[in-house]
PDB file of N, CA and C in Angstrom:
ATOM      1  N   UNK A   1      49.050   4.360 -23.685  1.00  0.00           N
ATOM      2  CA  UNK A   1      48.114   5.453 -23.965  1.00  0.00           C
ATOM      3  C   UNK A   1      47.423   5.712 -22.597  1.00  0.00           C
ATOM      4  N   UNK A   2      47.207   6.961 -22.335  1.00  0.00           N
ATOM      5  CA  UNK A   2      46.524   7.363 -21.082  1.00  0.00           C
ATOM      6  C   UNK A   2      45.112   7.618 -21.442  1.00  0.00           C
ATOM      7  N   UNK A   3      44.265   6.603 -21.584  1.00  0.00           N
ATOM      8  CA  UNK A   3      42.879   6.731 -21.975  1.00  0.00           C
ATOM      9  C   UNK A   3      42.056   6.992 -20.729  1.00  0.00           C
ATOM     10  N   UNK A   4      40.937   7.805 -20.882  1.00  0.00           N
ATOM     11  CA  UNK A   4      40.042   7.994 -19.900  1.00  0.00           C
ATOM     12  C   UNK A   4      38.705   7.404 -20.272  1.00  0.00           C
ATOM     13  N   UNK A   5      38.112   6.648 -19.407  1.00  0.00           N
ATOM     14  CA  UNK A   5      36.795   5.978 -19.690  1.00  0.00           C
ATOM     15  C   UNK A   5      35.672   6.646 -18.866  1.00  0.00           C
ATOM     16  N   UNK A   6      34.525   6.906 -19.642  1.00  0.00           N
ATOM     17  CA  UNK A   6      33.464   7.565 -19.000  1.00  0.00           C
ATOM     18  C   UNK A   6      32.252   6.654 -19.293  1.00  0.00           C
ATOM     19  N   UNK A   7      31.649   6.278 -18.203  1.00  0.00           N
ATOM     20  CA  UNK A   7      30.595   5.250 -18.298  1.00  0.00           C
ATOM     21  C   UNK A   7      29.301   6.103 -17.855  1.00  0.00           C
ATOM     22  N   UNK A   8      28.349   6.021 -18.867  1.00  0.00           N
ATOM     23  CA  UNK A   8      27.146   6.853 -18.555  1.00  0.00           C
ATOM     24  C   UNK A   8      25.998   5.868 -18.424  1.00  0.00           C
ATOM     25  N   UNK A   9      25.343   6.058 -17.253  1.00  0.00           N
ATOM     26  CA  UNK A   9      24.217   5.056 -17.016  1.00  0.00           C
ATOM     27  C   UNK A   9      23.104   5.804 -16.016  1.00  0.00           C
ATOM     28  N   UNK A  10      22.026   5.223 -16.101  1.00  0.00           N
ATOM     29  CA  UNK A  10      20.951   5.776 -15.370  1.00  0.00           C
ATOM     30  C   UNK A  10      19.686   4.907 -15.670  1.00  0.00           C
ATOM     31  N   UNK A  11      18.536   5.326 -15.120  1.00  0.00           N
ATOM     32  CA  UNK A  11      17.262   4.744 -15.475  1.00  0.00           C
ATOM     33  C   UNK A  11      16.781   4.996 -16.834  1.00  0.00           C
ATOM     34  N   UNK A  12      16.151   4.104 -17.437  1.00  0.00           N
ATOM     35  CA  UNK A  12      15.589   4.270 -18.752  1.00  0.00           C
ATOM     36  C   UNK A  12      14.722   5.624 -18.766  1.00  0.00           C
ATOM     37  N   UNK A  13      14.839   6.371 -19.827  1.00  0.00           N
ATOM     38  CA  UNK A  13      13.943   7.576 -20.069  1.00  0.00           C
ATOM     39  C   UNK A  13      14.376   8.623 -19.017  1.00  0.00           C
ATOM     40  N   UNK A  14      15.673   8.681 -18.651  1.00  0.00           N
ATOM     41  CA  UNK A  14      16.066   9.630 -17.596  1.00  0.00           C
ATOM     42  C   UNK A  14      17.044  10.760 -18.141  1.00  0.00           C
ATOM     43  N   UNK A  15      17.184  10.708 -19.485  1.00  0.00           N
ATOM     44  CA  UNK A  15      18.079  11.735 -20.057  1.00  0.00           C
ATOM     45  C   UNK A  15      19.490  11.217 -20.507  1.00  0.00           C
ATOM     46  N   UNK A  16      19.667   9.954 -20.294  1.00  0.00           N
ATOM     47  CA  UNK A  16      21.031   9.356 -20.622  1.00  0.00           C
ATOM     48  C   UNK A  16      21.345   9.480 -22.159  1.00  0.00           C
ATOM     49  N   UNK A  17      20.401   9.291 -22.978  1.00  0.00           N
ATOM     50  CA  UNK A  17      20.619   9.355 -24.455  1.00  0.00           C
ATOM     51  C   UNK A  17      20.955  10.894 -24.837  1.00  0.00           C
ATOM     52  N   UNK A  18      20.292  11.788 -24.267  1.00  0.00           N
ATOM     53  CA  UNK A  18      20.606  13.230 -24.475  1.00  0.00           C
ATOM     54  C   UNK A  18      22.014  13.528 -24.033  1.00  0.00           C
ATOM     55  N   UNK A  19      22.385  12.985 -22.836  1.00  0.00           N
ATOM     56  CA  UNK A  19      23.678  13.271 -22.227  1.00  0.00           C
ATOM     57  C   UNK A  19      24.704  12.650 -23.034  1.00  0.00           C
ATOM     58  N   UNK A  20      24.511  11.339 -23.632  1.00  0.00           N
ATOM     59  CA  UNK A  20      25.538  10.628 -24.349  1.00  0.00           C
ATOM     60  C   UNK A  20      25.688  11.327 -25.694  1.00  0.00           C
ATOM     61  N   UNK A  21      24.567  11.766 -26.306  1.00  0.00           N
ATOM     62  CA  UNK A  21      24.693  12.486 -27.563  1.00  0.00           C
ATOM     63  C   UNK A  21      25.497  13.778 -27.470  1.00  0.00           C
ATOM     64  N   UNK A  22      25.392  14.589 -26.359  1.00  0.00           N
ATOM     65  CA  UNK A  22      26.184  15.731 -26.195  1.00  0.00           C
ATOM     66  C   UNK A  22      27.546  15.366 -25.935  1.00  0.00           C
ATOM     67  N   UNK A  23      27.836  14.392 -25.230  1.00  0.00           N
ATOM     68  CA  UNK A  23      29.284  13.976 -24.957  1.00  0.00           C
ATOM     69  C   UNK A  23      29.992  13.503 -26.243  1.00  0.00           C
ATOM     70  N   UNK A  24      29.198  12.805 -27.041  1.00  0.00           N
ATOM     71  CA  UNK A  24      29.685  12.354 -28.333  1.00  0.00           C
ATOM     72  C   UNK A  24      30.013  13.565 -29.211  1.00  0.00           C
ATOM     73  N   UNK A  25      29.170  14.644 -29.279  1.00  0.00           N
ATOM     74  CA  UNK A  25      29.523  15.874 -30.016  1.00  0.00           C
ATOM     75  C   UNK A  25      30.699  16.504 -29.335  1.00  0.00           C
ATOM     76  N   UNK A  26      31.049  16.396 -28.125  1.00  0.00           N
ATOM     77  CA  UNK A  26      32.165  16.943 -27.489  1.00  0.00           C
ATOM     78  C   UNK A  26      33.439  16.153 -27.688  1.00  0.00           C
ATOM     79  N   UNK A  27      33.349  14.995 -28.397  1.00  0.00           N
ATOM     80  CA  UNK A  27      34.582  14.256 -28.641  1.00  0.00           C
ATOM     81  C   UNK A  27      34.739  12.990 -27.979  1.00  0.00           C
ATOM     82  N   UNK A  28      33.815  12.595 -27.025  1.00  0.00           N
ATOM     83  CA  UNK A  28      33.994  11.234 -26.351  1.00  0.00           C
ATOM     84  C   UNK A  28      33.509  10.136 -27.309  1.00  0.00           C
ATOM     85  N   UNK A  29      34.446   9.174 -27.561  1.00  0.00           N
ATOM     86  CA  UNK A  29      34.071   8.038 -28.380  1.00  0.00           C
ATOM     87  C   UNK A  29      33.192   7.185 -27.582  1.00  0.00           C
ATOM     88  N   UNK A  30      31.858   7.126 -27.891  1.00  0.00           N
ATOM     89  CA  UNK A  30      31.053   6.253 -27.136  1.00  0.00           C
ATOM     90  C   UNK A  30      30.624   4.988 -28.025  1.00  0.00           C
ATOM     91  N   UNK A  31      31.384   4.767 -29.075  1.00  0.00           N
ATOM     92  CA  UNK A  31      31.170   3.666 -29.970  1.00  0.00           C
ATOM     93  C   UNK A  31      30.818   3.962 -31.376  1.00  0.00           C
ATOM     94  N   UNK A  32      31.214   2.954 -32.209  1.00  0.00           N
ATOM     95  CA  UNK A  32      30.906   3.144 -33.568  1.00  0.00           C
ATOM     96  C   UNK A  32      29.599   2.455 -34.066  1.00  0.00           C
ATOM     97  N   UNK A  33      29.368   1.446 -33.323  1.00  0.00           N
ATOM     98  CA  UNK A  33      28.155   0.572 -33.624  1.00  0.00           C
ATOM     99  C   UNK A  33      27.034   0.800 -32.636  1.00  0.00           C
ATOM    100  N   UNK A  34      26.339   1.886 -32.886  1.00  0.00           N
ATOM    101  CA  UNK A  34      25.319   2.278 -31.845  1.00  0.00           C
ATOM    102  C   UNK A  34      23.862   1.743 -32.190  1.00  0.00           C
ATOM    103  N   UNK A  35      23.142   1.529 -31.176  1.00  0.00           N
ATOM    104  CA  UNK A  35      21.760   1.039 -31.356  1.00  0.00           C
ATOM    105  C   UNK A  35      21.004   2.137 -32.117  1.00  0.00           C
ATOM    106  N   UNK A  36      20.229   1.699 -33.078  1.00  0.00           N
ATOM    107  CA  UNK A  36      19.520   2.590 -34.032  1.00  0.00           C
ATOM    108  C   UNK A  36      18.323   3.225 -33.407  1.00  0.00           C
ATOM    109  N   UNK A  37      17.949   4.385 -33.886  1.00  0.00           N
ATOM    110  CA  UNK A  37      16.791   5.151 -33.302  1.00  0.00           C
ATOM    111  C   UNK A  37      15.541   4.316 -33.452  1.00  0.00           C
ATOM    112  N   UNK A  38      14.567   4.523 -32.766  1.00  0.00           N
ATOM    113  CA  UNK A  38      13.325   3.858 -32.934  1.00  0.00           C
ATOM    114  C   UNK A  38      12.243   4.905 -32.561  1.00  0.00           C
ATOM    115  N   UNK A  39      10.972   4.557 -32.763  1.00  0.00           N
ATOM    116  CA  UNK A  39       9.871   5.477 -32.509  1.00  0.00           C
ATOM    117  C   UNK A  39       9.816   6.092 -31.119  1.00  0.00           C
ATOM    118  N   UNK A  40      10.250   5.390 -30.101  1.00  0.00           N
ATOM    119  CA  UNK A  40      10.208   6.028 -28.716  1.00  0.00           C
ATOM    120  C   UNK A  40      11.439   6.950 -28.461  1.00  0.00           C
ATOM    121  N   UNK A  41      12.377   6.861 -29.371  1.00  0.00           N
ATOM    122  CA  UNK A  41      13.613   7.724 -29.219  1.00  0.00           C
ATOM    123  C   UNK A  41      14.122   7.950 -30.617  1.00  0.00           C
ATOM    124  N   UNK A  42      13.524   8.901 -31.324  1.00  0.00           N
ATOM    125  CA  UNK A  42      13.836   9.113 -32.703  1.00  0.00           C
ATOM    126  C   UNK A  42      15.114   9.732 -33.057  1.00  0.00           C
ATOM    127  N   UNK A  43      15.778  10.362 -31.983  1.00  0.00           N
ATOM    128  CA  UNK A  43      17.019  10.894 -32.233  1.00  0.00           C
ATOM    129  C   UNK A  43      18.227   9.941 -31.912  1.00  0.00           C
ATOM    130  N   UNK A  44      17.914   8.820 -31.264  1.00  0.00           N
ATOM    131  CA  UNK A  44      18.866   7.821 -31.021  1.00  0.00           C
ATOM    132  C   UNK A  44      19.143   7.524 -29.530  1.00  0.00           C
ATOM    133  N   UNK A  45      19.638   6.282 -29.320  1.00  0.00           N
ATOM    134  CA  UNK A  45      19.769   5.852 -27.979  1.00  0.00           C
ATOM    135  C   UNK A  45      21.309   6.097 -27.597  1.00  0.00           C
ATOM    136  N   UNK A  46      22.203   6.162 -28.436  1.00  0.00           N
ATOM    137  CA  UNK A  46      23.573   6.303 -28.256  1.00  0.00           C
ATOM    138  C   UNK A  46      24.211   5.211 -27.320  1.00  0.00           C
ATOM    139  N   UNK A  47      23.653   3.989 -27.561  1.00  0.00           N
ATOM    140  CA  UNK A  47      24.129   2.792 -26.754  1.00  0.00           C
ATOM    141  C   UNK A  47      24.983   1.944 -27.576  1.00  0.00           C
ATOM    142  N   UNK A  48      26.164   1.658 -27.213  1.00  0.00           N
ATOM    143  CA  UNK A  48      27.089   0.834 -27.848  1.00  0.00           C
ATOM    144  C   UNK A  48      26.564  -0.656 -27.877  1.00  0.00           C
ATOM    145  N   UNK A  49      26.221  -1.135 -28.975  1.00  0.00           N
ATOM    146  CA  UNK A  49      25.609  -2.466 -29.078  1.00  0.00           C
ATOM    147  C   UNK A  49      26.541  -3.605 -28.442  1.00  0.00           C
ATOM    148  N   UNK A  50      27.818  -3.522 -28.522  1.00  0.00           N
ATOM    149  CA  UNK A  50      28.650  -4.495 -27.882  1.00  0.00           C
ATOM    150  C   UNK A  50      28.513  -4.515 -26.363  1.00  0.00           C
ATOM    151  N   UNK A  51      28.518  -3.418 -25.584  1.00  0.00           N
ATOM    152  CA  UNK A  51      28.292  -3.419 -24.336  1.00  0.00           C
ATOM    153  C   UNK A  51      26.763  -3.913 -23.963  1.00  0.00           C
ATOM    154  N   UNK A  52      25.876  -3.440 -24.716  1.00  0.00           N
ATOM    155  CA  UNK A  52      24.471  -3.737 -24.478  1.00  0.00           C
ATOM    156  C   UNK A  52      24.281  -5.324 -24.636  1.00  0.00           C
ATOM    157  N   UNK A  53      24.903  -5.806 -25.621  1.00  0.00           N
ATOM    158  CA  UNK A  53      24.660  -7.299 -25.753  1.00  0.00           C
ATOM    159  C   UNK A  53      25.483  -8.063 -24.750  1.00  0.00           C
ATOM    160  N   UNK A  54      26.577  -7.533 -24.246  1.00  0.00           N
ATOM    161  CA  UNK A  54      27.410  -8.221 -23.207  1.00  0.00           C
ATOM    162  C   UNK A  54      26.567  -8.266 -21.913  1.00  0.00           C
ATOM    163  N   UNK A  55      25.923  -7.147 -21.603  1.00  0.00           N
ATOM    164  CA  UNK A  55      25.102  -7.003 -20.421  1.00  0.00           C
ATOM    165  C   UNK A  55      23.881  -7.964 -20.529  1.00  0.00           C
ATOM    166  N   UNK A  56      23.235  -7.949 -21.644  1.00  0.00           N
ATOM    167  CA  UNK A  56      21.962  -8.791 -21.863  1.00  0.00           C
ATOM    168  C   UNK A  56      22.400 -10.247 -21.698  1.00  0.00           C
ATOM    169  N   UNK A  57      23.586 -10.640 -22.275  1.00  0.00           N
ATOM    170  CA  UNK A  57      23.975 -12.088 -22.225  1.00  0.00           C
ATOM    171  C   UNK A  57      24.165 -12.473 -20.760  1.00  0.00           C
ATOM    172  N   UNK A  58      24.914 -11.657 -19.973  1.00  0.00           N
ATOM    173  CA  UNK A  58      25.262 -11.920 -18.554  1.00  0.00           C
ATOM    174  C   UNK A  58      23.902 -12.090 -17.805  1.00  0.00           C
ATOM    175  N   UNK A  59      22.902 -11.118 -17.947  1.00  0.00           N
ATOM    176  CA  UNK A  59      21.664 -11.156 -17.383  1.00  0.00           C
ATOM    177  C   UNK A  59      20.943 -12.454 -17.730  1.00  0.00           C
ATOM    178  N   UNK A  60      20.867 -12.815 -18.895  1.00  0.00           N
ATOM    179  CA  UNK A  60      20.191 -14.045 -19.462  1.00  0.00           C
ATOM    180  C   UNK A  60      20.834 -15.371 -18.796  1.00  0.00           C
ATOM    181  N   UNK A  61      22.169 -15.284 -18.826  1.00  0.00           N
ATOM    182  CA  UNK A  61      22.988 -16.478 -18.160  1.00  0.00           C
ATOM    183  C   UNK A  61      22.583 -16.677 -16.726  1.00  0.00           C
ATOM    184  N   UNK A  62      22.414 -15.428 -16.049  1.00  0.00           N
ATOM    185  CA  UNK A  62      22.042 -15.555 -14.660  1.00  0.00           C
ATOM    186  C   UNK A  62      20.497 -15.611 -14.415  1.00  0.00           C
ATOM    187  N   UNK A  63      19.763 -15.754 -15.450  1.00  0.00           N
ATOM    188  CA  UNK A  63      18.295 -15.757 -15.283  1.00  0.00           C
ATOM    189  C   UNK A  63      17.780 -14.662 -14.550  1.00  0.00           C
ATOM    190  N   UNK A  64      18.242 -13.435 -14.835  1.00  0.00           N
ATOM    191  CA  UNK A  64      17.877 -12.130 -14.361  1.00  0.00           C
ATOM    192  C   UNK A  64      17.261 -11.195 -15.291  1.00  0.00           C
ATOM    193  N   UNK A  65      16.608 -10.218 -14.826  1.00  0.00           N
ATOM    194  CA  UNK A  65      16.139  -9.204 -15.687  1.00  0.00           C
ATOM    195  C   UNK A  65      16.530  -7.871 -15.239  1.00  0.00           C
ATOM    196  N   UNK A  66      16.306  -6.755 -16.011  1.00  0.00           N
ATOM    197  CA  UNK A  66      16.757  -5.538 -15.472  1.00  0.00           C
ATOM    198  C   UNK A  66      16.007  -5.066 -14.271  1.00  0.00           C
ATOM    199  N   UNK A  67      14.917  -5.714 -14.019  1.00  0.00           N
ATOM    200  CA  UNK A  67      14.111  -5.418 -12.786  1.00  0.00           C
ATOM    201  C   UNK A  67      14.364  -6.247 -11.549  1.00  0.00           C
ATOM    202  N   UNK A  68      14.897  -7.292 -11.764  1.00  0.00           N
ATOM    203  CA  UNK A  68      15.343  -8.291 -10.632  1.00  0.00           C
ATOM    204  C   UNK A  68      16.656  -8.809 -10.854  1.00  0.00           C
ATOM    205  N   UNK A  69      17.752  -8.097 -10.497  1.00  0.00           N
ATOM    206  CA  UNK A  69      19.063  -8.552 -10.858  1.00  0.00           C
ATOM    207  C   UNK A  69      20.050  -8.556  -9.687  1.00  0.00           C
ATOM    208  N   UNK A  70      19.571  -9.000  -8.579  1.00  0.00           N
ATOM    209  CA  UNK A  70      20.453  -9.323  -7.425  1.00  0.00           C
ATOM    210  C   UNK A  70      21.362 -10.545  -7.730  1.00  0.00           C
ATOM    211  N   UNK A  71      22.477 -10.471  -7.142  1.00  0.00           N
ATOM    212  CA  UNK A  71      23.456 -11.673  -7.201  1.00  0.00           C
ATOM    213  C   UNK A  71      23.759 -12.120  -8.622  1.00  0.00           C
ATOM    214  N   UNK A  72      24.236 -11.237  -9.381  1.00  0.00           N
ATOM    215  CA  UNK A  72      24.788 -11.570 -10.759  1.00  0.00           C
ATOM    216  C   UNK A  72      26.196 -12.143 -10.652  1.00  0.00           C
ATOM    217  N   UNK A  73      26.334 -13.282 -11.256  1.00  0.00           N
ATOM    218  CA  UNK A  73      27.632 -13.944 -11.167  1.00  0.00           C
ATOM    219  C   UNK A  73      28.378 -13.942 -12.506  1.00  0.00           C
ATOM    220  N   UNK A  74      29.708 -13.887 -12.510  1.00  0.00           N
ATOM    221  CA  UNK A  74      30.516 -13.869 -13.614  1.00  0.00           C
ATOM    222  C   UNK A  74      31.616 -14.941 -13.526  1.00  0.00           C
ATOM    223  N   UNK A  75      31.803 -15.511 -14.714  1.00  0.00           N
ATOM    224  CA  UNK A  75      32.919 -16.578 -14.680  1.00  0.00           C
ATOM    225  C   UNK A  75      34.147 -16.018 -15.510  1.00  0.00           C
ATOM    226  N   UNK A  76      35.175 -16.807 -15.517  1.00  0.00           N
ATOM    227  CA  UNK A  76      36.442 -16.401 -16.072  1.00  0.00           C
ATOM    228  C   UNK A  76      36.213 -15.984 -17.577  1.00  0.00           C
ATOM    229  N   UNK A  77      35.423 -16.711 -18.315  1.00  0.00           N
ATOM    230  CA  UNK A  77      35.061 -16.439 -19.624  1.00  0.00           C
ATOM    231  C   UNK A  77      34.377 -15.013 -19.777  1.00  0.00           C
ATOM    232  N   UNK A  78      33.546 -14.656 -19.014  1.00  0.00           N
ATOM    233  CA  UNK A  78      32.896 -13.337 -18.918  1.00  0.00           C
ATOM    234  C   UNK A  78      33.925 -12.253 -18.667  1.00  0.00           C
ATOM    235  N   UNK A  79      34.884 -12.547 -17.753  1.00  0.00           N
ATOM    236  CA  UNK A  79      35.960 -11.503 -17.483  1.00  0.00           C
ATOM    237  C   UNK A  79      36.793 -11.362 -18.758  1.00  0.00           C
ATOM    238  N   UNK A  80      37.220 -12.489 -19.349  1.00  0.00           N
ATOM    239  CA  UNK A  80      38.021 -12.408 -20.585  1.00  0.00           C
ATOM    240  C   UNK A  80      37.352 -11.611 -21.727  1.00  0.00           C
ATOM    241  N   UNK A  81      36.047 -11.846 -21.838  1.00  0.00           N
ATOM    242  CA  UNK A  81      35.342 -11.116 -22.872  1.00  0.00           C
ATOM    243  C   UNK A  81      35.158  -9.662 -22.565  1.00  0.00           C
ATOM    244  N   UNK A  82      34.973  -9.465 -21.400  1.00  0.00           N
ATOM    245  CA  UNK A  82      34.867  -7.961 -20.928  1.00  0.00           C
ATOM    246  C   UNK A  82      36.277  -7.234 -21.173  1.00  0.00           C
ATOM    247  N   UNK A  83      37.320  -7.888 -20.743  1.00  0.00           N
ATOM    248  CA  UNK A  83      38.720  -7.315 -21.068  1.00  0.00           C
ATOM    249  C   UNK A  83      38.855  -7.129 -22.556  1.00  0.00           C
ATOM    250  N   UNK A  84      38.543  -8.082 -23.409  1.00  0.00           N
ATOM    251  CA  UNK A  84      38.686  -8.034 -24.736  1.00  0.00           C
ATOM    252  C   UNK A  84      37.821  -6.783 -25.344  1.00  0.00           C
ATOM    253  N   UNK A  85      36.611  -6.633 -24.792  1.00  0.00           N
ATOM    254  CA  UNK A  85      35.802  -5.555 -25.254  1.00  0.00           C
ATOM    255  C   UNK A  85      36.385  -4.205 -24.903  1.00  0.00           C
ATOM    256  N   UNK A  86      36.984  -4.059 -23.690  1.00  0.00           N
ATOM    257  CA  UNK A  86      37.617  -2.898 -23.255  1.00  0.00           C
ATOM    258  C   UNK A  86      38.814  -2.545 -24.135  1.00  0.00           C
ATOM    259  N   UNK A  87      39.591  -3.543 -24.437  1.00  0.00           N
ATOM    260  CA  UNK A  87      40.805  -3.422 -25.302  1.00  0.00           C
ATOM    261  C   UNK A  87      40.469  -2.909 -26.688  1.00  0.00           C
ATOM    262  N   UNK A  88      39.308  -3.375 -27.194  1.00  0.00           N
ATOM    263  CA  UNK A  88      38.831  -3.043 -28.568  1.00  0.00           C
ATOM    264  C   UNK A  88      38.264  -1.570 -28.655  1.00  0.00           C
ATOM    265  N   UNK A  89      37.769  -1.108 -27.512  1.00  0.00           N
ATOM    266  CA  UNK A  89      37.086   0.165 -27.513  1.00  0.00           C
ATOM    267  C   UNK A  89      37.906   1.258 -27.015  1.00  0.00           C
ATOM    268  N   UNK A  90      39.000   1.079 -26.268  1.00  0.00           N
ATOM    269  CA  UNK A  90      39.860   2.089 -25.666  1.00  0.00           C
ATOM    270  C   UNK A  90      40.336   3.038 -26.737  1.00  0.00           C
ATOM    271  N   UNK A  91      40.056   4.340 -26.498  1.00  0.00           N
ATOM    272  CA  UNK A  91      40.536   5.405 -27.285  1.00  0.00           C
ATOM    273  C   UNK A  91      41.064   6.485 -26.275  1.00  0.00           C
ATOM    274  N   UNK A  92      41.391   7.650 -26.727  1.00  0.00           N
ATOM    275  CA  UNK A  92      41.941   8.712 -25.833  1.00  0.00           C
ATOM    276  C   UNK A  92      40.887   9.047 -24.757  1.00  0.00           C
ATOM    277  N   UNK A  93      39.691   9.328 -25.211  1.00  0.00           N
ATOM    278  CA  UNK A  93      38.573   9.555 -24.249  1.00  0.00           C
ATOM    279  C   UNK A  93      37.543   8.679 -24.934  1.00  0.00           C
ATOM    280  N   UNK A  94      37.094   7.732 -24.139  1.00  0.00           N
ATOM    281  CA  UNK A  94      36.042   6.800 -24.633  1.00  0.00           C
ATOM    282  C   UNK A  94      35.032   6.396 -23.565  1.00  0.00           C
ATOM    283  N   UNK A  95      34.029   5.728 -23.846  1.00  0.00           N
ATOM    284  CA  UNK A  95      33.054   5.223 -22.890  1.00  0.00           C
ATOM    285  C   UNK A  95      31.890   4.532 -23.514  1.00  0.00           C
ATOM    286  N   UNK A  96      30.933   4.399 -22.848  1.00  0.00           N
ATOM    287  CA  UNK A  96      29.624   3.813 -23.358  1.00  0.00           C
ATOM    288  C   UNK A  96      28.451   4.276 -22.538  1.00  0.00           C
ATOM    289  N   UNK A  97      27.291   4.111 -22.915  1.00  0.00           N
ATOM    290  CA  UNK A  97      26.096   4.402 -22.309  1.00  0.00           C
ATOM    291  C   UNK A  97      25.147   3.210 -22.563  1.00  0.00           C
ATOM    292  N   UNK A  98      24.641   2.713 -21.409  1.00  0.00           N
ATOM    293  CA  UNK A  98      23.679   1.595 -21.414  1.00  0.00           C
ATOM    294  C   UNK A  98      22.990   1.645 -19.994  1.00  0.00           C
ATOM    295  N   UNK A  99      21.703   1.882 -19.933  1.00  0.00           N
ATOM    296  CA  UNK A  99      21.024   1.775 -18.602  1.00  0.00           C
ATOM    297  C   UNK A  99      21.319   0.515 -17.832  1.00  0.00           C
ATOM    298  N   UNK A 100      21.577  -0.631 -18.465  1.00  0.00           N
ATOM    299  CA  UNK A 100      21.832  -1.799 -17.680  1.00  0.00           C
ATOM    300  C   UNK A 100      23.153  -1.798 -16.921  1.00  0.00           C
ATOM    301  N   UNK A 101      23.996  -0.764 -17.344  1.00  0.00           N
ATOM    302  CA  UNK A 101      25.268  -0.731 -16.772  1.00  0.00           C
ATOM    303  C   UNK A 101      25.212  -0.472 -15.228  1.00  0.00           C
ATOM    304  N   UNK A 102      24.066   0.168 -14.744  1.00  0.00           N
ATOM    305  CA  UNK A 102      23.940   0.363 -13.410  1.00  0.00           C
ATOM    306  C   UNK A 102      24.010  -0.967 -12.586  1.00  0.00           C
ATOM    307  N   UNK A 103      23.546  -2.029 -13.144  1.00  0.00           N
ATOM    308  CA  UNK A 103      23.696  -3.363 -12.505  1.00  0.00           C
ATOM    309  C   UNK A 103      25.087  -3.985 -12.554  1.00  0.00           C
ATOM    310  N   UNK A 104      25.981  -3.290 -13.204  1.00  0.00           N
ATOM    311  CA  UNK A 104      27.360  -3.970 -13.455  1.00  0.00           C
ATOM    312  C   UNK A 104      28.429  -2.957 -12.920  1.00  0.00           C
ATOM    313  N   UNK A 105      28.102  -1.943 -12.260  1.00  0.00           N
ATOM    314  CA  UNK A 105      29.150  -0.984 -11.747  1.00  0.00           C
ATOM    315  C   UNK A 105      30.221  -1.690 -11.030  1.00  0.00           C
ATOM    316  N   UNK A 106      29.940  -2.620 -10.123  1.00  0.00           N
ATOM    317  CA  UNK A 106      30.926  -3.413  -9.375  1.00  0.00           C
ATOM    318  C   UNK A 106      31.739  -4.285 -10.233  1.00  0.00           C
ATOM    319  N   UNK A 107      31.275  -4.723 -11.231  1.00  0.00           N
ATOM    320  CA  UNK A 107      32.061  -5.554 -12.279  1.00  0.00           C
ATOM    321  C   UNK A 107      33.013  -4.699 -13.061  1.00  0.00           C
ATOM    322  N   UNK A 108      32.564  -3.615 -13.553  1.00  0.00           N
ATOM    323  CA  UNK A 108      33.527  -2.837 -14.450  1.00  0.00           C
ATOM    324  C   UNK A 108      34.562  -2.009 -13.746  1.00  0.00           C
ATOM    325  N   UNK A 109      34.220  -1.551 -12.494  1.00  0.00           N
ATOM    326  CA  UNK A 109      35.063  -0.678 -11.838  1.00  0.00           C
ATOM    327  C   UNK A 109      36.532  -1.306 -11.720  1.00  0.00           C
ATOM    328  N   UNK A 110      36.695  -2.634 -11.272  1.00  0.00           N
ATOM    329  CA  UNK A 110      38.076  -2.927 -10.996  1.00  0.00           C
ATOM    330  C   UNK A 110      38.869  -3.339 -12.309  1.00  0.00           C
ATOM    331  N   UNK A 111      38.163  -3.519 -13.472  1.00  0.00           N
ATOM    332  CA  UNK A 111      38.843  -3.908 -14.634  1.00  0.00           C
ATOM    333  C   UNK A 111      39.189  -2.744 -15.573  1.00  0.00           C
ATOM    334  N   UNK A 112      38.616  -1.590 -15.247  1.00  0.00           N
ATOM    335  CA  UNK A 112      39.003  -0.356 -16.051  1.00  0.00           C
ATOM    336  C   UNK A 112      39.804   0.566 -15.230  1.00  0.00           C
ATOM    337  N   UNK A 113      40.897   1.017 -15.778  1.00  0.00           N
ATOM    338  CA  UNK A 113      41.801   1.937 -15.142  1.00  0.00           C
ATOM    339  C   UNK A 113      41.105   3.234 -14.844  1.00  0.00           C
ATOM    340  N   UNK A 114      40.744   3.530 -13.596  1.00  0.00           N
ATOM    341  CA  UNK A 114      40.097   4.810 -13.077  1.00  0.00           C
ATOM    342  C   UNK A 114      39.003   5.225 -13.986  1.00  0.00           C
ATOM    343  N   UNK A 115      37.904   4.436 -14.010  1.00  0.00           N
ATOM    344  CA  UNK A 115      36.796   4.821 -14.770  1.00  0.00           C
ATOM    345  C   UNK A 115      36.000   5.994 -14.158  1.00  0.00           C
ATOM    346  N   UNK A 116      35.355   6.792 -14.877  1.00  0.00           N
ATOM    347  CA  UNK A 116      34.493   7.863 -14.384  1.00  0.00           C
ATOM    348  C   UNK A 116      33.043   7.481 -14.578  1.00  0.00           C
ATOM    349  N   UNK A 117      32.281   7.481 -13.598  1.00  0.00           N
ATOM    350  CA  UNK A 117      30.893   7.223 -13.739  1.00  0.00           C
ATOM    351  C   UNK A 117      29.990   8.362 -13.836  1.00  0.00           C
ATOM    352  N   UNK A 118      29.168   8.485 -14.750  1.00  0.00           N
ATOM    353  CA  UNK A 118      28.156   9.641 -14.853  1.00  0.00           C
ATOM    354  C   UNK A 118      26.834   9.009 -14.647  1.00  0.00           C
ATOM    355  N   UNK A 119      26.197   9.229 -13.472  1.00  0.00           N
ATOM    356  CA  UNK A 119      24.920   8.506 -13.099  1.00  0.00           C
ATOM    357  C   UNK A 119      23.885   9.580 -13.141  1.00  0.00           C
TER     358      UNK A 119
END
């Protein structure tokens, strides 16, 4: 399959949810299990919970936060989990949106075949 991956990321409250919702309407599969809307974003976040939880787990394991995240380390189990996650999500045109992804661009880039980044 010649799948194309689009990774949507940016600062919180910068329009990434609007962009992800538009791309979803255009046919990009950004996930089936998306973060539910809440009072500060009543139309929805359009964040794939699997990627969101993966990023949160890595940050917690490294004792980092989204505000202080230099030197994030990954082990072989993290890499295996990431590859499994990619294999489960891959469609013709697919991707995800998560503001935390900004901290993981160097991690995802070599393990996804020609990813496109929308920053």
